[in-house]
C-alpha cells in the first residue's frame, strides 16, 4: 500500500506543480500586488484597500460590469435555449442527423478573434447591403450604437457556443430510458407533456453543467469583444475583461487593474457556485 501511495503521488506531482506555478502562485502574487502601488516593474508603497475603494467610484468599471452582466444574462438564456433545441432536432429520427451535428458544432472550432472579424464584416457590409436593397434603415450602421453593439455580441456568442452546449444536451438525451418515453406515448402524453414531465427533469444535470459553462464564458469574454466592437462606441460596449486590460496596459495602473481582477474573479466565482447549488437542489426536487 505504501508503494502504491508513493507512486500515486509521484504521478500526481507534475500536475500539482504545474497547477501551483500557473494558477495558485500567480493568484497569491496578484492578491498581494492589489494592496500596493505596483506599476508592473516596482512594487511601490503599500496602499491597503485604497485600490478596492476606488472601484466604487470608477464609473467606467461599473458601467462595464453592468454591460457584462446584461450581456451574460441574455446570452446564457439564448445559448441554452438554442443548444437544447438543436439537441432535440439532431436526436430526432432524421436522416441528416450526423451532418447537422457537425454543422452546428463547427462555429465553436473557430477562434474568437476570427469570429469577431467575420461577424463585423456581416454586420457592417452584408447588413448594410441588405438594408439598402430592401429599404430597411434599421440594418444600416450596425455596431455604431450601444444597442446594436450589444445585440451583435449576443448574436456572435450564441452562434459560437450553441453547438458546444448542444453536444452536452445530446449526451444526456441519448442516455434517456426509451421505455419511459414509449410508455408516455402509449398513455397518450403529448410531445409538450413528454418534454415537460419526462425529458426535461432527466436532462436537468446537463442544464446545470451548461449554465456553469455559459456563465463563466460570457462573463470572461474578451477576444470577440476586442475584434467585433473594440468597446465602441465611446467604451459603451466595453466588457469587464477589456476594461481591466486597458487599465493595466493603457493606463499603466497594474495594481489597480489587479484589484479589479480580484473583485471580478470573486463575482464570477460566487455567481457560478450559487447557480450550481440552486440547480443541484432543483434536480433533486424534479
Protein backbone atom coordinates (compact mmCIF):
# COMPACT_ATOMS: atom_id res chain seq x y z
CA UNK A 1 0.00 0.00 0.00
CA UNK A 2 2.83 2.41 0.79
CA UNK A 3 4.45 1.74 -2.60
CA UNK A 4 1.11 2.32 -4.28
CA UNK A 5 0.55 5.54 -2.38
CA UNK A 6 4.04 6.78 -3.28
CA UNK A 7 3.60 6.02 -6.98
CA UNK A 8 0.20 7.74 -6.92
CA UNK A 9 1.71 10.97 -5.58
CA UNK A 10 4.69 10.75 -7.93
CA UNK A 11 2.37 10.61 -10.92
CA UNK A 12 0.25 13.42 -9.50
CA UNK A 13 3.20 15.65 -8.57
CA UNK A 14 3.78 17.19 -12.06
CA UNK A 15 0.13 18.19 -12.32
CA UNK A 16 0.10 19.69 -8.82
CA UNK A 17 3.37 21.52 -9.52
CA UNK A 18 2.01 22.95 -12.78
CA UNK A 19 -1.23 23.99 -11.04
CA UNK A 20 0.72 25.73 -8.29
CA UNK A 21 3.08 27.56 -10.67
CA UNK A 22 0.45 28.57 -13.23
CA UNK A 23 -2.62 29.25 -11.06
CA UNK A 24 -2.06 29.37 -7.29
CA UNK A 25 1.23 31.30 -7.08
CA UNK A 26 0.21 33.98 -9.64
CA UNK A 27 -3.13 34.39 -7.86
CA UNK A 28 -1.45 34.92 -4.49
CA UNK A 29 1.06 37.34 -6.02
CA UNK A 30 -1.77 39.22 -7.72
CA UNK A 31 -3.63 39.46 -4.43
CA UNK A 32 -0.52 40.91 -2.79
CA UNK A 33 0.10 43.41 -5.60
CA UNK A 34 -3.51 44.64 -5.40
CA UNK A 35 -2.68 46.15 -1.99
CA UNK A 36 0.32 48.06 -3.37
CA UNK A 37 1.11 50.78 -5.91
CA UNK A 38 2.66 48.23 -8.31
CA UNK A 39 3.42 49.69 -11.75
CA UNK A 40 4.46 46.47 -13.46
CA UNK A 41 8.14 46.87 -12.54
CA UNK A 42 8.36 48.08 -8.96
CA UNK A 43 6.07 47.05 -6.14
CA UNK A 44 5.79 50.56 -4.75
CA UNK A 45 4.32 51.52 -1.41
CA UNK A 46 1.65 49.58 0.45
CA UNK A 47 -1.73 51.32 -0.05
CA UNK A 48 -4.02 48.88 1.77
CA UNK A 49 -7.58 48.75 0.47
CA UNK A 50 -7.34 52.01 -1.47
CA UNK A 51 -7.37 50.28 -4.87
CA UNK A 52 -10.53 48.41 -3.88
CA UNK A 53 -12.21 51.54 -2.53
CA UNK A 54 -11.52 53.36 -5.80
CA UNK A 55 -13.60 50.74 -7.64
CA UNK A 56 -16.83 52.07 -6.12
CA UNK A 57 -16.28 55.49 -7.72
CA UNK A 58 -14.91 54.23 -11.03
CA UNK A 59 -17.85 54.82 -13.39
CA UNK A 60 -16.14 53.18 -16.35
CA UNK A 61 -15.56 49.94 -14.42
CA UNK A 62 -19.11 49.94 -13.02
CA UNK A 63 -20.59 50.60 -16.48
CA UNK A 64 -18.58 47.75 -17.99
CA UNK A 65 -19.65 45.45 -15.14
CA UNK A 66 -23.32 46.32 -15.74
CA UNK A 67 -22.95 45.82 -19.50
CA UNK A 68 -21.22 42.46 -18.92
CA UNK A 69 -23.99 41.36 -16.56
CA UNK A 70 -26.74 42.22 -19.06
CA UNK A 71 -24.85 40.52 -21.85
CA UNK A 72 -24.28 37.37 -19.76
CA UNK A 73 -27.92 37.03 -18.70
CA UNK A 74 -29.26 37.37 -22.25
CA UNK A 75 -26.53 35.16 -23.76
CA UNK A 76 -26.94 32.37 -21.19
CA UNK A 77 -30.68 32.16 -21.84
CA UNK A 78 -30.31 32.19 -25.64
CA UNK A 79 -27.35 29.80 -25.79
CA UNK A 80 -29.06 27.19 -23.61
CA UNK A 81 -32.38 27.56 -25.43
CA UNK A 82 -30.76 27.23 -28.86
CA UNK A 83 -28.43 24.45 -27.70
CA UNK A 84 -31.28 22.37 -26.27
CA UNK A 85 -33.42 23.00 -29.35
CA UNK A 86 -30.61 21.87 -31.66
CA UNK A 87 -30.02 18.79 -29.49
CA UNK A 88 -33.69 17.84 -29.72
CA UNK A 89 -33.57 18.25 -33.51
CA UNK A 90 -30.46 16.13 -34.11
CA UNK A 91 -31.58 13.37 -31.71
CA UNK A 92 -34.88 13.01 -33.54
CA UNK A 93 -35.24 10.44 -36.28
CA UNK A 94 -33.90 12.41 -39.26
CA UNK A 95 -31.51 11.16 -41.94
CA UNK A 96 -29.17 14.17 -41.83
CA UNK A 97 -28.56 13.96 -38.07
CA UNK A 98 -24.78 13.41 -38.33
CA UNK A 99 -24.35 16.20 -40.88
CA UNK A 100 -26.36 18.61 -38.75
CA UNK A 101 -24.34 17.79 -35.63
CA UNK A 102 -21.11 18.60 -37.45
CA UNK A 103 -22.53 21.78 -38.97
CA UNK A 104 -23.91 23.11 -35.69
CA UNK A 105 -20.69 22.36 -33.79
CA UNK A 106 -18.29 23.89 -36.34
CA UNK A 107 -18.55 27.56 -35.17
CA UNK A 108 -17.09 26.50 -31.81
CA UNK A 109 -13.88 25.44 -33.57
CA UNK A 110 -13.20 28.95 -34.90
CA UNK A 111 -11.13 31.29 -32.76
CA UNK A 112 -12.79 34.21 -31.01
CA UNK A 113 -10.80 36.90 -32.84
CA UNK A 114 -11.57 35.37 -36.24
CA UNK A 115 -15.27 35.11 -35.38
CA UNK A 116 -15.34 38.75 -34.33
CA UNK A 117 -13.91 39.90 -37.66
CA UNK A 118 -16.26 37.61 -39.61
CA UNK A 119 -19.35 38.96 -37.86
CA UNK A 120 -18.04 42.51 -38.10
CA UNK A 121 -17.99 42.08 -41.89
CA UNK A 122 -21.52 40.63 -41.79
CA UNK A 123 -22.92 43.43 -39.64
CA UNK A 124 -21.17 46.29 -41.44
CA UNK A 125 -21.19 45.11 -45.06
CA UNK A 126 -23.84 42.41 -45.51
CA UNK A 127 -26.46 44.02 -43.27
CA UNK A 128 -25.86 47.39 -44.92
CA UNK A 129 -26.24 45.92 -48.41
CA UNK A 130 -29.43 44.04 -47.49
CA UNK A 131 -30.85 47.10 -45.72
CA UNK A 132 -30.14 49.28 -48.73
CA UNK A 133 -31.71 46.73 -51.09
CA UNK A 134 -34.94 46.31 -49.10
CA UNK A 135 -35.08 49.85 -47.74
CA UNK A 136 -34.65 48.99 -44.04
CA UNK A 137 -32.82 51.71 -42.19
CA UNK A 138 -32.57 49.51 -39.08
CA UNK A 139 -29.98 47.34 -40.87
CA UNK A 140 -27.76 50.31 -41.63
CA UNK A 141 -24.79 51.33 -39.47
CA UNK A 142 -24.81 48.29 -37.20
CA UNK A 143 -22.31 48.33 -34.32
CA UNK A 144 -22.38 52.14 -34.36
CA UNK A 145 -24.71 52.30 -31.36
CA UNK A 146 -24.69 50.67 -27.93
CA UNK A 147 -27.85 48.67 -28.69
CA UNK A 148 -26.65 47.20 -31.98
CA UNK A 149 -23.22 46.53 -30.46
CA UNK A 150 -24.86 44.69 -27.58
CA UNK A 151 -27.01 42.50 -29.82
CA UNK A 152 -24.09 41.95 -32.17
CA UNK A 153 -22.08 40.46 -29.30
CA UNK A 154 -25.07 38.36 -28.20
CA UNK A 155 -25.59 37.00 -31.72
CA UNK A 156 -21.88 36.20 -32.09
CA UNK A 157 -21.63 34.44 -28.73
CA UNK A 158 -24.85 32.47 -29.25
CA UNK A 159 -23.74 31.35 -32.71
CA UNK A 160 -20.37 30.22 -31.38
CA UNK A 161 -21.40 28.42 -28.18
CA UNK A 162 -24.79 26.94 -29.09
CA UNK A 163 -23.21 23.98 -30.89
CA UNK A 164 -20.92 23.20 -27.96
CA UNK A 165 -23.81 23.28 -25.49
CA UNK A 166 -25.81 21.15 -27.94
CA UNK A 167 -23.23 18.35 -27.54
CA UNK A 168 -23.73 18.34 -23.76
CA UNK A 169 -27.51 18.08 -24.10
CA UNK A 170 -27.13 15.34 -26.73
CA UNK A 171 -25.08 13.24 -24.31
CA UNK A 172 -27.91 13.31 -21.78
CA UNK A 173 -30.76 12.99 -24.30
CA UNK A 174 -29.26 9.85 -25.83
CA UNK A 175 -28.97 8.32 -22.36
CA UNK A 176 -32.67 8.68 -21.58
CA UNK A 177 -34.54 5.40 -20.96
CA UNK A 178 -36.59 4.77 -24.10
CA UNK A 179 -39.07 2.72 -22.09
CA UNK A 180 -40.27 5.82 -20.22
CA UNK A 181 -40.89 7.81 -23.38
CA UNK A 182 -42.63 4.88 -25.09
CA UNK A 183 -44.82 4.35 -22.03
CA UNK A 184 -45.76 8.05 -22.03
CA UNK A 185 -46.66 7.83 -25.73
CA UNK A 186 -48.87 4.80 -25.08
CA UNK A 187 -50.58 6.67 -22.23
CA UNK A 188 -51.43 9.47 -24.65
CA UNK A 189 -48.98 12.13 -23.47
CA UNK A 190 -48.41 14.90 -25.99
CA UNK A 191 -44.97 15.98 -27.18
CA UNK A 192 -45.05 19.00 -24.86
CA UNK A 193 -46.09 16.85 -21.90
CA UNK A 194 -43.35 14.31 -22.56
CA UNK A 195 -40.78 17.10 -22.67
CA UNK A 196 -42.09 18.87 -19.55
CA UNK A 197 -42.56 15.87 -17.27
CA UNK A 198 -40.04 13.29 -18.55
CA UNK A 199 -37.29 14.69 -20.78
CA UNK A 200 -36.56 17.99 -19.04
CA UNK A 201 -36.26 16.58 -15.48
CA UNK A 202 -33.95 13.82 -16.72
CA UNK A 203 -31.63 16.25 -18.55
CA UNK A 204 -31.54 18.69 -15.61
CA UNK A 205 -27.89 17.75 -14.82
CA UNK A 206 -26.97 18.84 -18.35
CA UNK A 207 -28.67 22.16 -17.69
CA UNK A 208 -26.51 22.64 -14.57
CA UNK A 209 -23.29 21.95 -16.50
CA UNK A 210 -24.33 24.14 -19.43
CA UNK A 211 -25.31 27.03 -17.17
CA UNK A 212 -21.93 26.90 -15.45
CA UNK A 213 -20.02 26.87 -18.74
CA UNK A 214 -22.05 29.60 -20.41
CA UNK A 215 -21.96 31.87 -17.34
CA UNK A 216 -18.20 31.63 -16.93
CA UNK A 217 -17.50 32.05 -20.65
CA UNK A 218 -19.82 35.03 -21.18
CA UNK A 219 -18.53 36.89 -18.14
CA UNK A 220 -14.89 36.38 -19.18
CA UNK A 221 -15.42 37.31 -22.85
CA UNK A 222 -12.55 39.31 -24.35
CA UNK A 223 -11.46 38.15 -27.83
CA UNK A 224 -14.83 38.64 -29.50
CA UNK A 225 -15.36 41.95 -27.74
CA UNK A 226 -11.99 43.18 -29.00
CA UNK A 227 -12.42 42.19 -32.64
CA UNK A 228 -16.14 42.97 -33.06
CA UNK A 229 -16.63 46.36 -31.34
CA UNK A 230 -13.32 47.09 -29.52
CA UNK A 231 -15.52 48.51 -26.77
CA UNK A 232 -17.03 51.20 -29.00
CA UNK A 233 -18.76 53.44 -29.47
CA UNK A 234 -17.19 55.51 -26.67
CA UNK A 235 -16.50 52.43 -24.49
CA UNK A 236 -20.25 51.73 -24.22
CA UNK A 237 -19.81 48.06 -25.24
CA UNK A 238 -16.62 47.55 -23.25
CA UNK A 239 -16.81 44.42 -21.11
CA UNK A 240 -15.01 43.90 -17.81
CA UNK A 241 -12.13 41.82 -19.19
CA UNK A 242 -11.30 44.51 -21.74
CA UNK A 243 -11.67 47.29 -19.19
CA UNK A 244 -9.21 45.55 -16.85
CA UNK A 245 -6.76 45.00 -19.72
CA UNK A 246 -6.87 48.69 -20.68
CA UNK A 247 -6.44 49.76 -17.06
CA UNK A 248 -3.25 47.72 -16.85
CA UNK A 249 -1.64 48.18 -20.27
CA UNK A 250 -3.04 51.54 -21.44
CA UNK A 251 -3.26 53.46 -18.17
CA UNK A 252 -0.27 51.54 -16.72
CA UNK A 253 -2.16 51.11 -13.41
CA UNK A 254 -1.22 47.48 -12.82
CA UNK A 255 -2.08 47.34 -9.12
CA UNK A 256 -5.48 48.93 -9.69
CA UNK A 257 -6.16 46.54 -12.57
CA UNK A 258 -5.20 43.63 -10.33
CA UNK A 259 -7.70 44.79 -7.70
CA UNK A 260 -10.38 44.89 -10.41
CA UNK A 261 -9.40 41.38 -11.50
CA UNK A 262 -9.68 40.05 -7.93
CA UNK A 263 -13.16 41.56 -7.50
CA UNK A 264 -14.21 40.27 -10.92
CA UNK A 265 -12.94 36.79 -10.04
CA UNK A 266 -14.96 36.80 -6.81
CA UNK A 267 -18.12 37.96 -8.60
CA UNK A 268 -17.88 35.25 -11.27
CA UNK A 269 -16.99 32.57 -8.70
CA UNK A 270 -19.90 33.46 -6.40
CA UNK A 271 -22.45 33.62 -9.23
CA UNK A 272 -21.24 30.32 -10.72
CA UNK A 273 -21.23 28.46 -7.40
CA UNK A 274 -24.65 29.82 -6.41
CA UNK A 275 -26.24 28.77 -9.71
CA UNK A 276 -24.69 25.29 -9.41
CA UNK A 277 -26.06 24.97 -5.85
CA UNK A 278 -29.53 26.13 -6.86
CA UNK A 279 -29.67 23.91 -9.95
CA UNK A 280 -28.46 20.88 -7.96
CA UNK A 281 -31.30 21.41 -5.48
CA UNK A 282 -33.80 21.71 -8.33
CA UNK A 283 -32.50 18.45 -9.81
CA UNK A 284 -33.42 16.66 -6.58
CA UNK A 285 -36.86 18.32 -6.48
CA UNK A 286 -37.57 17.30 -10.07
